[in-house]
Amino acid sequence: MKISLEELAQKFDAEFQGNSSHQISAVAALDSAKSHHISFLSNSKYTSLLAATKAGIVILSQENSKHFKGNQIIAKDPYVTFAKVAALFQKGNSQVREINSNTVIAKSAIIGKNVHIGAYSIIGENTIIADETVLEARVTIGNNCRIGKNCLIKPNVVILDDCTLGENVILHPGCIIGADGFGLARDIDKWVKVPQLGAVVIGDDCEVGANTTIDRGTMDDTVLENDVHLDNQIQIAHNVKIGAHTVMAGCSAVAGSAKIGKNCLIGGGVGIIGHIEVCDKVTLQSMALVTRSIKKPGSYSSVSPLQETSDWRKSAVRIKQLDKIAKRLTRLEKQESKI
């Protein structure tokens, strides 16, 4: 696909400067771009790259526009505009739509218009797949599921019985939606499995990364509200609720029945224990461990900064001594108050 500077500006309602008829056909970073590429600059720290770039068009803020003499689109948020432009060149949904002959589709399933179902996929009883949705190879969808319009489900995804996806949902390879939650009851000297009778409900415009697991609820559903984005290899346990527009980075884990608010940013490797609440607009820095509810918006951390091993060992010893030091300090303060 080729598109001109003027066409791009009109499409995204943006200002432009330069040769209105100049066309681009791909995206690239500033330092590797050629004349047929479009690139962007969102961090003023890298303005020096503008002098040497050969990009045909650069997306810039009004502030950084003065540093570049070539073709440019002036955007309020260059990174957001670049994301929208890059989507024009994304490959994936352009394949010929067909239902492969090597699929198993239950007779009671309902398949919408212009749906693609790849080889060796399985669709269960009473499942509904809405228009324009793409299922790539080896996707398994259980019974009584509801899959919304224009979803993209990558290879080897498993969606188990009774789960619901909204519209424009992306599921990356190997993710599991609706596995049993880890529910066990102790009966004297053995464990009794607690049936997991809920399901998973995923809202519109959500994205779930590769090999991420979202467990079904014990009785109520596990819920992702609209526009939630989960990275790869994340564990979401039974009955968790995640509010709209929240983003979670890779290898994080949320234990059962935790509630996470809207517009939260959760870094990689974060752990959130069960049955607590995180309010809206909370940022959890990478590797944080959340052991109590957070009721005030803001940024939270709980990990010591990286040190050389010899220094870390000294710090670890001192941490073990903190209780003794605190008690000693209390005694000294009491003695001082008597003087």
C-alpha atoms as a PDB file:
ATOM      1  CA  MET A   1       0.000   0.000   0.000  1.00  0.00           C
ATOM      2  CA  LYS A   2       1.153   3.521  -0.812  1.00  0.00           C
ATOM      3  CA  ILE A   3      -0.271   6.657   0.739  1.00  0.00           C
ATOM      4  CA  SER A   4       0.694  10.317   0.375  1.00  0.00           C
ATOM      5  CA  LEU A   5       1.547  12.899   3.018  1.00  0.00           C
ATOM      6  CA  GLU A   6      -1.656  14.830   2.324  1.00  0.00           C
ATOM      7  CA  GLU A   7      -3.809  11.675   2.454  1.00  0.00           C
ATOM      8  CA  LEU A   8      -2.290  10.689   5.795  1.00  0.00           C
ATOM      9  CA  ALA A   9      -2.854  14.146   7.259  1.00  0.00           C
ATOM     10  CA  GLN A  10      -6.478  14.134   6.148  1.00  0.00           C
ATOM     11  CA  LYS A  11      -7.059  10.608   7.432  1.00  0.00           C
ATOM     12  CA  PHE A  12      -5.794  11.466  10.907  1.00  0.00           C
ATOM     13  CA  ASP A  13      -6.955  15.099  10.962  1.00  0.00           C
ATOM     14  CA  ALA A  14      -3.428  16.447  11.403  1.00  0.00           C
ATOM     15  CA  GLU A  15      -1.334  19.364  10.170  1.00  0.00           C
ATOM     16  CA  PHE A  16       1.416  18.693   7.649  1.00  0.00           C
ATOM     17  CA  GLN A  17       4.377  20.430   6.040  1.00  0.00           C
ATOM     18  CA  GLY A  18       6.344  19.552   2.910  1.00  0.00           C
ATOM     19  CA  ASN A  19       5.620  17.825  -0.378  1.00  0.00           C
ATOM     20  CA  SER A  20       1.950  16.849  -0.138  1.00  0.00           C
ATOM     21  CA  SER A  21       2.254  14.207  -2.877  1.00  0.00           C
ATOM     22  CA  HIS A  22       5.216  12.341  -1.344  1.00  0.00           C
ATOM     23  CA  GLN A  23       4.226   8.701  -0.813  1.00  0.00           C
ATOM     24  CA  ILE A  24       5.304   6.163   1.779  1.00  0.00           C
ATOM     25  CA  SER A  25       4.714   2.407   1.839  1.00  0.00           C
ATOM     26  CA  ALA A  26       6.196   1.217   5.130  1.00  0.00           C
ATOM     27  CA  VAL A  27       7.313   2.274   8.613  1.00  0.00           C
ATOM     28  CA  ALA A  28      10.827   2.344  10.067  1.00  0.00           C
ATOM     29  CA  ALA A  29      12.931   3.800  12.880  1.00  0.00           C
ATOM     30  CA  LEU A  30      14.539   7.210  12.283  1.00  0.00           C
ATOM     31  CA  ASP A  31      18.076   5.829  11.982  1.00  0.00           C
ATOM     32  CA  SER A  32      17.194   3.112   9.451  1.00  0.00           C
ATOM     33  CA  ALA A  33      14.391   4.755   7.459  1.00  0.00           C
ATOM     34  CA  LYS A  34      14.525   5.445   3.708  1.00  0.00           C
ATOM     35  CA  SER A  35      12.498   7.794   1.545  1.00  0.00           C
ATOM     36  CA  HIS A  36       9.561   5.337   1.305  1.00  0.00           C
ATOM     37  CA  HIS A  37       9.288   5.050   5.100  1.00  0.00           C
ATOM     38  CA  ILE A  38       7.380   7.021   7.701  1.00  0.00           C
ATOM     39  CA  SER A  39       8.889   7.387  11.170  1.00  0.00           C
ATOM     40  CA  PHE A  40       8.248   9.405  14.327  1.00  0.00           C
ATOM     41  CA  LEU A  41       9.895  11.263  17.191  1.00  0.00           C
ATOM     42  CA  SER A  42       8.127  11.462  20.542  1.00  0.00           C
ATOM     43  CA  ASN A  43      11.072  11.947  22.914  1.00  0.00           C
ATOM     44  CA  SER A  44      12.958  15.243  22.603  1.00  0.00           C
ATOM     45  CA  LYS A  45      16.082  13.452  23.854  1.00  0.00           C
ATOM     46  CA  TYR A  46      16.491  12.005  20.345  1.00  0.00           C
ATOM     47  CA  THR A  47      16.072  15.176  18.262  1.00  0.00           C
ATOM     48  CA  SER A  48      19.682  14.791  17.063  1.00  0.00           C
ATOM     49  CA  LEU A  49      18.505  11.852  14.914  1.00  0.00           C
ATOM     50  CA  LEU A  50      16.402  14.216  12.798  1.00  0.00           C
ATOM     51  CA  ALA A  51      19.457  15.751  11.115  1.00  0.00           C
ATOM     52  CA  ALA A  52      20.602  12.442   9.633  1.00  0.00           C
ATOM     53  CA  THR A  53      17.344  10.588   9.014  1.00  0.00           C
ATOM     54  CA  LYS A  54      16.375   9.722   5.454  1.00  0.00           C
ATOM     55  CA  ALA A  55      12.730   9.075   6.327  1.00  0.00           C
ATOM     56  CA  GLY A  56      10.272  10.277   3.711  1.00  0.00           C
ATOM     57  CA  ILE A  57       7.868  11.541   6.397  1.00  0.00           C
ATOM     58  CA  VAL A  58       8.360  12.073  10.123  1.00  0.00           C
ATOM     59  CA  ILE A  59       5.570  12.456  12.680  1.00  0.00           C
ATOM     60  CA  LEU A  60       6.500  15.209  15.137  1.00  0.00           C
ATOM     61  CA  SER A  61       5.105  17.357  17.903  1.00  0.00           C
ATOM     62  CA  GLN A  62       4.687  21.087  17.331  1.00  0.00           C
ATOM     63  CA  GLU A  63       7.683  21.671  19.607  1.00  0.00           C
ATOM     64  CA  ASN A  64      10.004  19.360  17.637  1.00  0.00           C
ATOM     65  CA  SER A  65       8.731  20.402  14.220  1.00  0.00           C
ATOM     66  CA  LYS A  66      11.281  23.244  14.034  1.00  0.00           C
ATOM     67  CA  HIS A  67      14.158  20.734  14.207  1.00  0.00           C
ATOM     68  CA  PHE A  68      13.234  19.028  10.910  1.00  0.00           C
ATOM     69  CA  LYS A  69      13.109  20.500   7.407  1.00  0.00           C
ATOM     70  CA  GLY A  70      11.630  17.508   5.573  1.00  0.00           C
ATOM     71  CA  ASN A  71       8.091  16.209   5.086  1.00  0.00           C
ATOM     72  CA  GLN A  72       6.289  15.997   8.383  1.00  0.00           C
ATOM     73  CA  ILE A  73       2.982  15.408  10.107  1.00  0.00           C
ATOM     74  CA  ILE A  74       2.472  17.553  13.192  1.00  0.00           C
ATOM     75  CA  ALA A  75       0.578  15.701  15.886  1.00  0.00           C
ATOM     76  CA  LYS A  76      -0.479  16.376  19.450  1.00  0.00           C
ATOM     77  CA  ASP A  77       0.907  12.951  20.438  1.00  0.00           C
ATOM     78  CA  PRO A  78       3.342  11.622  17.790  1.00  0.00           C
ATOM     79  CA  TYR A  79       3.488   8.139  19.312  1.00  0.00           C
ATOM     80  CA  VAL A  80      -0.297   7.692  19.228  1.00  0.00           C
ATOM     81  CA  THR A  81      -0.472   8.985  15.653  1.00  0.00           C
ATOM     82  CA  PHE A  82       2.368   6.669  14.630  1.00  0.00           C
ATOM     83  CA  ALA A  83       0.492   3.700  16.141  1.00  0.00           C
ATOM     84  CA  LYS A  84      -2.549   4.560  14.029  1.00  0.00           C
ATOM     85  CA  VAL A  85      -0.458   5.011  10.874  1.00  0.00           C
ATOM     86  CA  ALA A  86       1.447   1.757  11.475  1.00  0.00           C
ATOM     87  CA  ALA A  87      -1.851  -0.118  11.703  1.00  0.00           C
ATOM     88  CA  LEU A  88      -2.446   0.712   8.033  1.00  0.00           C
ATOM     89  CA  PHE A  89       0.523  -1.483   7.120  1.00  0.00           C
ATOM     90  CA  GLN A  90      -0.175  -4.326   9.532  1.00  0.00           C
ATOM     91  CA  LYS A  91      -0.459  -7.734   7.975  1.00  0.00           C
ATOM     92  CA  GLY A  92      -2.751 -10.422   9.319  1.00  0.00           C
ATOM     93  CA  ASN A  93      -6.417  -9.743   8.602  1.00  0.00           C
ATOM     94  CA  SER A  94      -5.869  -9.390   4.868  1.00  0.00           C
ATOM     95  CA  GLN A  95      -5.824 -13.126   4.098  1.00  0.00           C
ATOM     96  CA  VAL A  96      -8.541 -14.735   2.035  1.00  0.00           C
ATOM     97  CA  ARG A  97     -11.459 -15.574   4.313  1.00  0.00           C
ATOM     98  CA  GLU A  98     -12.441 -19.220   4.280  1.00  0.00           C
ATOM     99  CA  ILE A  99     -13.486 -22.065   6.518  1.00  0.00           C
ATOM    100  CA  ASN A 100     -10.793 -24.690   6.100  1.00  0.00           C
ATOM    101  CA  SER A 101     -11.968 -28.181   5.276  1.00  0.00           C
ATOM    102  CA  ASN A 102      -9.915 -29.599   8.162  1.00  0.00           C
ATOM    103  CA  THR A 103     -12.052 -28.004  10.864  1.00  0.00           C
ATOM    104  CA  VAL A 104     -14.618 -29.485  13.237  1.00  0.00           C
ATOM    105  CA  ILE A 105     -17.651 -27.252  13.724  1.00  0.00           C
ATOM    106  CA  ALA A 106     -20.623 -28.391  15.791  1.00  0.00           C
ATOM    107  CA  LYS A 107     -23.924 -28.384  13.945  1.00  0.00           C
ATOM    108  CA  SER A 108     -25.464 -26.069  16.526  1.00  0.00           C
ATOM    109  CA  ALA A 109     -22.680 -23.469  16.199  1.00  0.00           C
ATOM    110  CA  ILE A 110     -23.535 -20.205  14.439  1.00  0.00           C
ATOM    111  CA  ILE A 111     -20.855 -18.681  12.209  1.00  0.00           C
ATOM    112  CA  GLY A 112     -21.223 -15.061  11.049  1.00  0.00           C
ATOM    113  CA  LYS A 113     -20.409 -13.418   7.740  1.00  0.00           C
ATOM    114  CA  ASN A 114     -16.876 -13.238   6.354  1.00  0.00           C
ATOM    115  CA  VAL A 115     -15.419 -15.346   9.176  1.00  0.00           C
ATOM    116  CA  HIS A 116     -12.110 -17.130   8.670  1.00  0.00           C
ATOM    117  CA  ILE A 117     -11.485 -20.453  10.441  1.00  0.00           C
ATOM    118  CA  GLY A 118      -8.050 -21.998   9.970  1.00  0.00           C
ATOM    119  CA  ALA A 119      -7.009 -25.615   9.666  1.00  0.00           C
ATOM    120  CA  TYR A 120      -7.633 -28.039  12.545  1.00  0.00           C
ATOM    121  CA  SER A 121      -9.719 -25.609  14.556  1.00  0.00           C
ATOM    122  CA  ILE A 122     -12.626 -26.904  16.659  1.00  0.00           C
ATOM    123  CA  ILE A 123     -15.864 -25.036  17.429  1.00  0.00           C
ATOM    124  CA  GLY A 124     -18.161 -26.433  20.130  1.00  0.00           C
ATOM    125  CA  GLU A 125     -21.918 -26.751  20.489  1.00  0.00           C
ATOM    126  CA  ASN A 126     -24.089 -23.586  20.604  1.00  0.00           C
ATOM    127  CA  THR A 127     -21.085 -21.312  20.155  1.00  0.00           C
ATOM    128  CA  ILE A 128     -21.622 -18.105  18.208  1.00  0.00           C
ATOM    129  CA  ILE A 129     -18.855 -16.419  16.201  1.00  0.00           C
ATOM    130  CA  ALA A 130     -19.809 -12.964  14.912  1.00  0.00           C
ATOM    131  CA  ASP A 131     -19.002 -11.344  11.555  1.00  0.00           C
ATOM    132  CA  GLU A 132     -15.454 -10.568  10.358  1.00  0.00           C
ATOM    133  CA  THR A 133     -13.698 -12.606  13.042  1.00  0.00           C
ATOM    134  CA  VAL A 134     -10.510 -14.507  12.181  1.00  0.00           C
ATOM    135  CA  LEU A 135      -9.556 -17.801  13.820  1.00  0.00           C
ATOM    136  CA  GLU A 136      -6.140 -18.971  12.715  1.00  0.00           C
ATOM    137  CA  ALA A 137      -4.939 -22.598  12.767  1.00  0.00           C
ATOM    138  CA  ARG A 138      -5.594 -24.990  15.660  1.00  0.00           C
ATOM    139  CA  VAL A 139      -7.913 -22.764  17.665  1.00  0.00           C
ATOM    140  CA  THR A 140     -10.207 -24.598  20.069  1.00  0.00           C
ATOM    141  CA  ILE A 141     -13.444 -22.979  21.233  1.00  0.00           C
ATOM    142  CA  GLY A 142     -15.695 -24.867  23.634  1.00  0.00           C
ATOM    143  CA  ASN A 143     -19.447 -25.029  24.018  1.00  0.00           C
ATOM    144  CA  ASN A 144     -21.772 -22.058  24.587  1.00  0.00           C
ATOM    145  CA  CYS A 145     -19.140 -19.409  23.851  1.00  0.00           C
ATOM    146  CA  ARG A 146     -19.821 -15.963  22.378  1.00  0.00           C
ATOM    147  CA  ILE A 147     -17.135 -14.412  20.156  1.00  0.00           C
ATOM    148  CA  GLY A 148     -17.763 -10.812  19.050  1.00  0.00           C
ATOM    149  CA  LYS A 149     -17.198  -9.066  15.724  1.00  0.00           C
ATOM    150  CA  ASN A 150     -13.776  -8.473  14.190  1.00  0.00           C
ATOM    151  CA  CYS A 151     -11.786 -10.531  16.684  1.00  0.00           C
ATOM    152  CA  LEU A 152      -8.368 -11.952  15.814  1.00  0.00           C
ATOM    153  CA  ILE A 153      -7.571 -15.279  17.471  1.00  0.00           C
ATOM    154  CA  LYS A 154      -4.068 -16.570  16.807  1.00  0.00           C
ATOM    155  CA  PRO A 155      -2.931 -20.207  16.529  1.00  0.00           C
ATOM    156  CA  ASN A 156      -3.241 -22.649  19.431  1.00  0.00           C
ATOM    157  CA  VAL A 157      -5.561 -20.477  21.502  1.00  0.00           C
ATOM    158  CA  VAL A 158      -7.999 -22.383  23.730  1.00  0.00           C
ATOM    159  CA  ILE A 159     -11.295 -20.829  24.839  1.00  0.00           C
ATOM    160  CA  LEU A 160     -13.204 -23.160  27.131  1.00  0.00           C
ATOM    161  CA  ASP A 161     -16.961 -23.502  27.666  1.00  0.00           C
ATOM    162  CA  ASP A 162     -19.271 -20.540  28.345  1.00  0.00           C
ATOM    163  CA  CYS A 163     -16.696 -17.760  27.831  1.00  0.00           C
ATOM    164  CA  THR A 164     -17.479 -14.458  26.132  1.00  0.00           C
ATOM    165  CA  LEU A 165     -15.339 -12.142  24.014  1.00  0.00           C
ATOM    166  CA  GLY A 166     -16.449  -8.652  22.999  1.00  0.00           C
ATOM    167  CA  GLU A 167     -15.640  -6.966  19.697  1.00  0.00           C
ATOM    168  CA  ASN A 168     -12.130  -6.285  18.320  1.00  0.00           C
ATOM    169  CA  VAL A 169     -10.436  -8.652  20.781  1.00  0.00           C
ATOM    170  CA  ILE A 170      -6.963 -10.004  19.974  1.00  0.00           C
ATOM    171  CA  LEU A 171      -5.780 -13.276  21.513  1.00  0.00           C
ATOM    172  CA  HIS A 172      -2.146 -14.175  20.855  1.00  0.00           C
ATOM    173  CA  PRO A 173      -0.776 -17.703  20.348  1.00  0.00           C
ATOM    174  CA  GLY A 174      -1.164 -20.200  23.142  1.00  0.00           C
ATOM    175  CA  CYS A 175      -3.295 -18.164  25.518  1.00  0.00           C
ATOM    176  CA  ILE A 176      -5.888 -20.051  27.561  1.00  0.00           C
ATOM    177  CA  ILE A 177      -9.234 -18.478  28.377  1.00  0.00           C
ATOM    178  CA  GLY A 178     -11.431 -20.223  30.948  1.00  0.00           C
ATOM    179  CA  ALA A 179      -9.123 -22.810  32.514  1.00  0.00           C
ATOM    180  CA  ASP A 180     -10.224 -23.986  35.948  1.00  0.00           C
ATOM    181  CA  GLY A 181      -9.346 -21.688  38.816  1.00  0.00           C
ATOM    182  CA  PHE A 182      -7.097 -23.126  41.535  1.00  0.00           C
ATOM    183  CA  GLY A 183      -9.845 -23.936  44.022  1.00  0.00           C
ATOM    184  CA  LEU A 184      -9.196 -26.550  46.698  1.00  0.00           C
ATOM    185  CA  ALA A 185     -10.774 -27.301  50.078  1.00  0.00           C
ATOM    186  CA  ARG A 186      -8.838 -29.140  52.790  1.00  0.00           C
ATOM    187  CA  ASP A 187     -10.661 -32.224  54.103  1.00  0.00           C
ATOM    188  CA  ILE A 188      -8.597 -33.442  57.084  1.00  0.00           C
ATOM    189  CA  ASP A 189      -5.772 -35.211  55.255  1.00  0.00           C
ATOM    190  CA  LYS A 190      -6.590 -34.583  51.596  1.00  0.00           C
ATOM    191  CA  TRP A 191      -7.645 -31.881  49.158  1.00  0.00           C
ATOM    192  CA  VAL A 192     -11.110 -31.678  47.587  1.00  0.00           C
ATOM    193  CA  LYS A 193     -11.381 -29.858  44.258  1.00  0.00           C
ATOM    194  CA  VAL A 194     -13.889 -26.983  44.272  1.00  0.00           C
ATOM    195  CA  PRO A 195     -15.851 -26.980  40.977  1.00  0.00           C
ATOM    196  CA  GLN A 196     -15.219 -23.855  38.930  1.00  0.00           C
ATOM    197  CA  LEU A 197     -18.705 -22.996  37.691  1.00  0.00           C
ATOM    198  CA  GLY A 198     -18.202 -19.436  36.465  1.00  0.00           C
ATOM    199  CA  ALA A 199     -16.727 -18.317  33.154  1.00  0.00           C
ATOM    200  CA  VAL A 200     -14.558 -15.539  31.676  1.00  0.00           C
ATOM    201  CA  VAL A 201     -15.980 -12.342  30.179  1.00  0.00           C
ATOM    202  CA  ILE A 202     -13.651 -10.156  28.097  1.00  0.00           C
ATOM    203  CA  GLY A 203     -14.844  -6.737  26.935  1.00  0.00           C
ATOM    204  CA  ASP A 204     -14.361  -4.877  23.654  1.00  0.00           C
ATOM    205  CA  ASP A 205     -10.918  -3.841  22.312  1.00  0.00           C
ATOM    206  CA  CYS A 206      -8.965  -6.082  24.698  1.00  0.00           C
ATOM    207  CA  GLU A 207      -5.696  -7.878  23.922  1.00  0.00           C
ATOM    208  CA  VAL A 208      -4.292 -10.961  25.648  1.00  0.00           C
ATOM    209  CA  GLY A 209      -0.651 -11.923  25.144  1.00  0.00           C
ATOM    210  CA  ALA A 210       0.920 -15.238  24.207  1.00  0.00           C
ATOM    211  CA  ASN A 211       0.724 -18.034  26.795  1.00  0.00           C
ATOM    212  CA  THR A 212      -1.308 -15.917  29.196  1.00  0.00           C
ATOM    213  CA  THR A 213      -3.921 -17.767  31.248  1.00  0.00           C
ATOM    214  CA  ILE A 214      -7.210 -16.319  32.471  1.00  0.00           C
ATOM    215  CA  ASP A 215      -8.989 -18.701  34.836  1.00  0.00           C
ATOM    216  CA  ARG A 216     -12.758 -19.051  34.994  1.00  0.00           C
ATOM    217  CA  GLY A 217     -14.584 -17.955  38.131  1.00  0.00           C
ATOM    218  CA  THR A 218     -15.617 -20.300  40.919  1.00  0.00           C
ATOM    219  CA  MET A 219     -19.224 -19.079  40.864  1.00  0.00           C
ATOM    220  CA  ASP A 220     -19.156 -15.545  39.397  1.00  0.00           C
ATOM    221  CA  ASP A 221     -17.192 -14.715  36.248  1.00  0.00           C
ATOM    222  CA  THR A 222     -13.628 -13.509  35.863  1.00  0.00           C
ATOM    223  CA  VAL A 223     -13.955 -10.155  34.057  1.00  0.00           C
ATOM    224  CA  LEU A 224     -11.774  -7.939  31.886  1.00  0.00           C
ATOM    225  CA  GLU A 225     -13.552  -4.678  31.096  1.00  0.00           C
ATOM    226  CA  ASN A 226     -13.104  -2.797  27.790  1.00  0.00           C
ATOM    227  CA  ASP A 227      -9.643  -1.906  26.458  1.00  0.00           C
ATOM    228  CA  VAL A 228      -7.609  -4.037  28.878  1.00  0.00           C
ATOM    229  CA  HIS A 229      -4.232  -5.137  27.513  1.00  0.00           C
ATOM    230  CA  LEU A 230      -2.298  -8.074  28.980  1.00  0.00           C
ATOM    231  CA  ASP A 231       1.249  -8.927  27.971  1.00  0.00           C
ATOM    232  CA  ASN A 232       2.688 -12.424  27.517  1.00  0.00           C
ATOM    233  CA  GLN A 233       2.847 -15.086  30.238  1.00  0.00           C
ATOM    234  CA  ILE A 234       0.490 -13.503  32.752  1.00  0.00           C
ATOM    235  CA  GLN A 235      -1.663 -15.405  35.254  1.00  0.00           C
ATOM    236  CA  ILE A 236      -5.139 -14.056  36.051  1.00  0.00           C
ATOM    237  CA  ALA A 237      -6.801 -16.218  38.701  1.00  0.00           C
ATOM    238  CA  HIS A 238     -10.474 -17.001  39.284  1.00  0.00           C
ATOM    239  CA  ASN A 239     -12.951 -14.192  40.004  1.00  0.00           C
ATOM    240  CA  VAL A 240     -10.456 -11.399  39.292  1.00  0.00           C
ATOM    241  CA  LYS A 241     -11.947  -8.137  37.980  1.00  0.00           C
ATOM    242  CA  ILE A 242      -9.787  -5.782  35.895  1.00  0.00           C
ATOM    243  CA  GLY A 243     -11.111  -2.307  35.114  1.00  0.00           C
ATOM    244  CA  ALA A 244     -11.225  -0.623  31.710  1.00  0.00           C
ATOM    245  CA  HIS A 245      -8.031   0.730  30.083  1.00  0.00           C
ATOM    246  CA  THR A 246      -5.691  -1.087  32.471  1.00  0.00           C
ATOM    247  CA  VAL A 247      -2.409  -2.425  31.054  1.00  0.00           C
ATOM    248  CA  MET A 248      -0.319  -5.221  32.573  1.00  0.00           C
ATOM    249  CA  ALA A 249       3.236  -6.194  31.532  1.00  0.00           C
ATOM    250  CA  GLY A 250       4.670  -9.698  31.207  1.00  0.00           C
ATOM    251  CA  CYS A 251       5.050 -12.326  33.944  1.00  0.00           C
ATOM    252  CA  SER A 252       2.711 -10.570  36.374  1.00  0.00           C
ATOM    253  CA  ALA A 253       0.246 -12.608  38.420  1.00  0.00           C
ATOM    254  CA  VAL A 254      -3.058 -11.739  40.102  1.00  0.00           C
ATOM    255  CA  ALA A 255      -4.439 -14.111  42.731  1.00  0.00           C
ATOM    256  CA  GLY A 256      -8.085 -15.033  43.143  1.00  0.00           C
ATOM    257  CA  SER A 257     -10.847 -12.476  43.721  1.00  0.00           C
ATOM    258  CA  ALA A 258      -8.547  -9.453  43.522  1.00  0.00           C
ATOM    259  CA  LYS A 259     -10.064  -6.318  41.986  1.00  0.00           C
ATOM    260  CA  ILE A 260      -7.977  -3.937  39.902  1.00  0.00           C
ATOM    261  CA  GLY A 261      -9.345  -0.521  38.969  1.00  0.00           C
ATOM    262  CA  LYS A 262      -9.481   1.418  35.726  1.00  0.00           C
ATOM    263  CA  ASN A 263      -6.526   3.115  34.003  1.00  0.00           C
ATOM    264  CA  CYS A 264      -3.913   1.221  36.019  1.00  0.00           C
ATOM    265  CA  LEU A 265      -0.366   0.571  34.751  1.00  0.00           C
ATOM    266  CA  ILE A 266       1.126  -2.656  36.090  1.00  0.00           C
ATOM    267  CA  GLY A 267       4.796  -3.394  35.438  1.00  0.00           C
ATOM    268  CA  GLY A 268       6.426  -6.706  34.638  1.00  0.00           C
ATOM    269  CA  GLY A 269       6.650  -9.375  37.305  1.00  0.00           C
ATOM    270  CA  VAL A 270       4.184  -7.713  39.684  1.00  0.00           C
ATOM    271  CA  GLY A 271       2.390  -9.963  42.151  1.00  0.00           C
ATOM    272  CA  ILE A 272      -1.050  -9.094  43.557  1.00  0.00           C
ATOM    273  CA  ILE A 273      -2.406 -11.325  46.305  1.00  0.00           C
ATOM    274  CA  GLY A 274      -6.015 -12.427  46.445  1.00  0.00           C
ATOM    275  CA  HIS A 275      -9.071 -10.702  47.887  1.00  0.00           C
ATOM    276  CA  ILE A 276      -7.635  -7.165  47.823  1.00  0.00           C
ATOM    277  CA  GLU A 277      -8.575  -4.077  45.788  1.00  0.00           C
ATOM    278  CA  VAL A 278      -6.440  -1.693  43.773  1.00  0.00           C
ATOM    279  CA  CYS A 279      -8.207   1.593  43.036  1.00  0.00           C
ATOM    280  CA  ASP A 280      -8.253   3.453  39.712  1.00  0.00           C
ATOM    281  CA  LYS A 281      -5.147   5.179  38.286  1.00  0.00           C
ATOM    282  CA  VAL A 282      -2.519   3.212  40.171  1.00  0.00           C
ATOM    283  CA  THR A 283       0.953   2.517  38.749  1.00  0.00           C
ATOM    284  CA  LEU A 284       2.748  -0.545  40.121  1.00  0.00           C
ATOM    285  CA  GLN A 285       6.443  -0.552  39.324  1.00  0.00           C
ATOM    286  CA  SER A 286       8.072  -3.758  38.063  1.00  0.00           C
ATOM    287  CA  MET A 287       8.433  -6.645  40.540  1.00  0.00           C
ATOM    288  CA  ALA A 288       6.247  -4.961  43.160  1.00  0.00           C
ATOM    289  CA  LEU A 289       4.416  -7.284  45.550  1.00  0.00           C
ATOM    290  CA  VAL A 290       0.986  -5.981  46.555  1.00  0.00           C
ATOM    291  CA  THR A 291      -0.141  -7.509  49.861  1.00  0.00           C
ATOM    292  CA  ARG A 292      -2.818  -5.020  50.905  1.00  0.00           C
ATOM    293  CA  SER A 293      -5.488  -2.924  49.193  1.00  0.00           C
ATOM    294  CA  ILE A 294      -4.459   0.350  47.560  1.00  0.00           C
ATOM    295  CA  LYS A 295      -7.055   3.081  48.047  1.00  0.00           C
ATOM    296  CA  LYS A 296      -5.164   6.133  46.783  1.00  0.00           C
ATOM    297  CA  PRO A 297      -4.107   6.715  43.135  1.00  0.00           C
ATOM    298  CA  GLY A 298      -0.376   7.057  42.548  1.00  0.00           C
ATOM    299  CA  SER A 299       2.834   5.147  41.865  1.00  0.00           C
ATOM    300  CA  TYR A 300       3.903   2.301  44.166  1.00  0.00           C
ATOM    301  CA  SER A 301       7.128   0.253  44.394  1.00  0.00           C
ATOM    302  CA  SER A 302       8.370  -2.502  46.689  1.00  0.00           C
ATOM    303  CA  VAL A 303      11.657  -3.784  45.297  1.00  0.00           C
ATOM    304  CA  SER A 304      15.191  -2.805  46.344  1.00  0.00           C
ATOM    305  CA  PRO A 305      17.303  -1.268  43.560  1.00  0.00           C
ATOM    306  CA  LEU A 306      19.952  -3.475  41.943  1.00  0.00           C
ATOM    307  CA  GLN A 307      23.283  -3.630  43.786  1.00  0.00           C
ATOM    308  CA  GLU A 308      26.537  -5.508  43.417  1.00  0.00           C
ATOM    309  CA  THR A 309      26.167  -8.852  45.167  1.00  0.00           C
ATOM    310  CA  SER A 310      28.643  -7.998  47.924  1.00  0.00           C
ATOM    311  CA  ASP A 311      26.699  -4.807  48.753  1.00  0.00           C
ATOM    312  CA  TRP A 312      23.362  -6.630  48.547  1.00  0.00           C
ATOM    313  CA  ARG A 313      24.525  -9.210  51.074  1.00  0.00           C
ATOM    314  CA  LYS A 314      25.481  -6.455  53.510  1.00  0.00           C
ATOM    315  CA  SER A 315      22.094  -4.809  53.022  1.00  0.00           C
ATOM    316  CA  ALA A 316      20.308  -8.131  53.598  1.00  0.00           C
ATOM    317  CA  VAL A 317      22.125  -8.578  56.904  1.00  0.00           C
ATOM    318  CA  ARG A 318      21.210  -5.061  57.992  1.00  0.00           C
ATOM    319  CA  ILE A 319      17.555  -5.625  57.094  1.00  0.00           C
ATOM    320  CA  LYS A 320      17.515  -8.652  59.409  1.00  0.00           C
ATOM    321  CA  GLN A 321      18.889  -6.407  62.181  1.00  0.00           C
ATOM    322  CA  LEU A 322      16.248  -3.683  61.767  1.00  0.00           C
ATOM    323  CA  ASP A 323      13.931  -5.048  64.486  1.00  0.00           C
ATOM    324  CA  LYS A 324      16.745  -5.128  67.062  1.00  0.00           C
ATOM    325  CA  ILE A 325      17.871  -1.644  66.025  1.00  0.00           C
ATOM    326  CA  ALA A 326      14.317  -0.291  66.305  1.00  0.00           C
ATOM    327  CA  LYS A 327      13.891  -1.741  69.804  1.00  0.00           C
ATOM    328  CA  ARG A 328      17.244  -0.330  70.877  1.00  0.00           C
ATOM    329  CA  LEU A 329      16.318   3.098  69.514  1.00  0.00           C
ATOM    330  CA  THR A 330      13.016   3.030  71.416  1.00  0.00           C
ATOM    331  CA  ARG A 331      14.854   2.241  74.672  1.00  0.00           C
ATOM    332  CA  LEU A 332      17.340   5.066  74.087  1.00  0.00           C
ATOM    333  CA  GLU A 333      14.524   7.551  73.373  1.00  0.00           C
ATOM    334  CA  LYS A 334      12.764   6.537  76.585  1.00  0.00           C
ATOM    335  CA  GLN A 335      16.008   6.954  78.570  1.00  0.00           C
ATOM    336  CA  GLU A 336      16.617  10.338  76.979  1.00  0.00           C
ATOM    337  CA  SER A 337      13.094  11.522  77.811  1.00  0.00           C
ATOM    338  CA  LYS A 338      13.767  10.794  81.540  1.00  0.00           C
ATOM    339  CA  ILE A 339      16.894  12.948  81.636  1.00  0.00           C
END
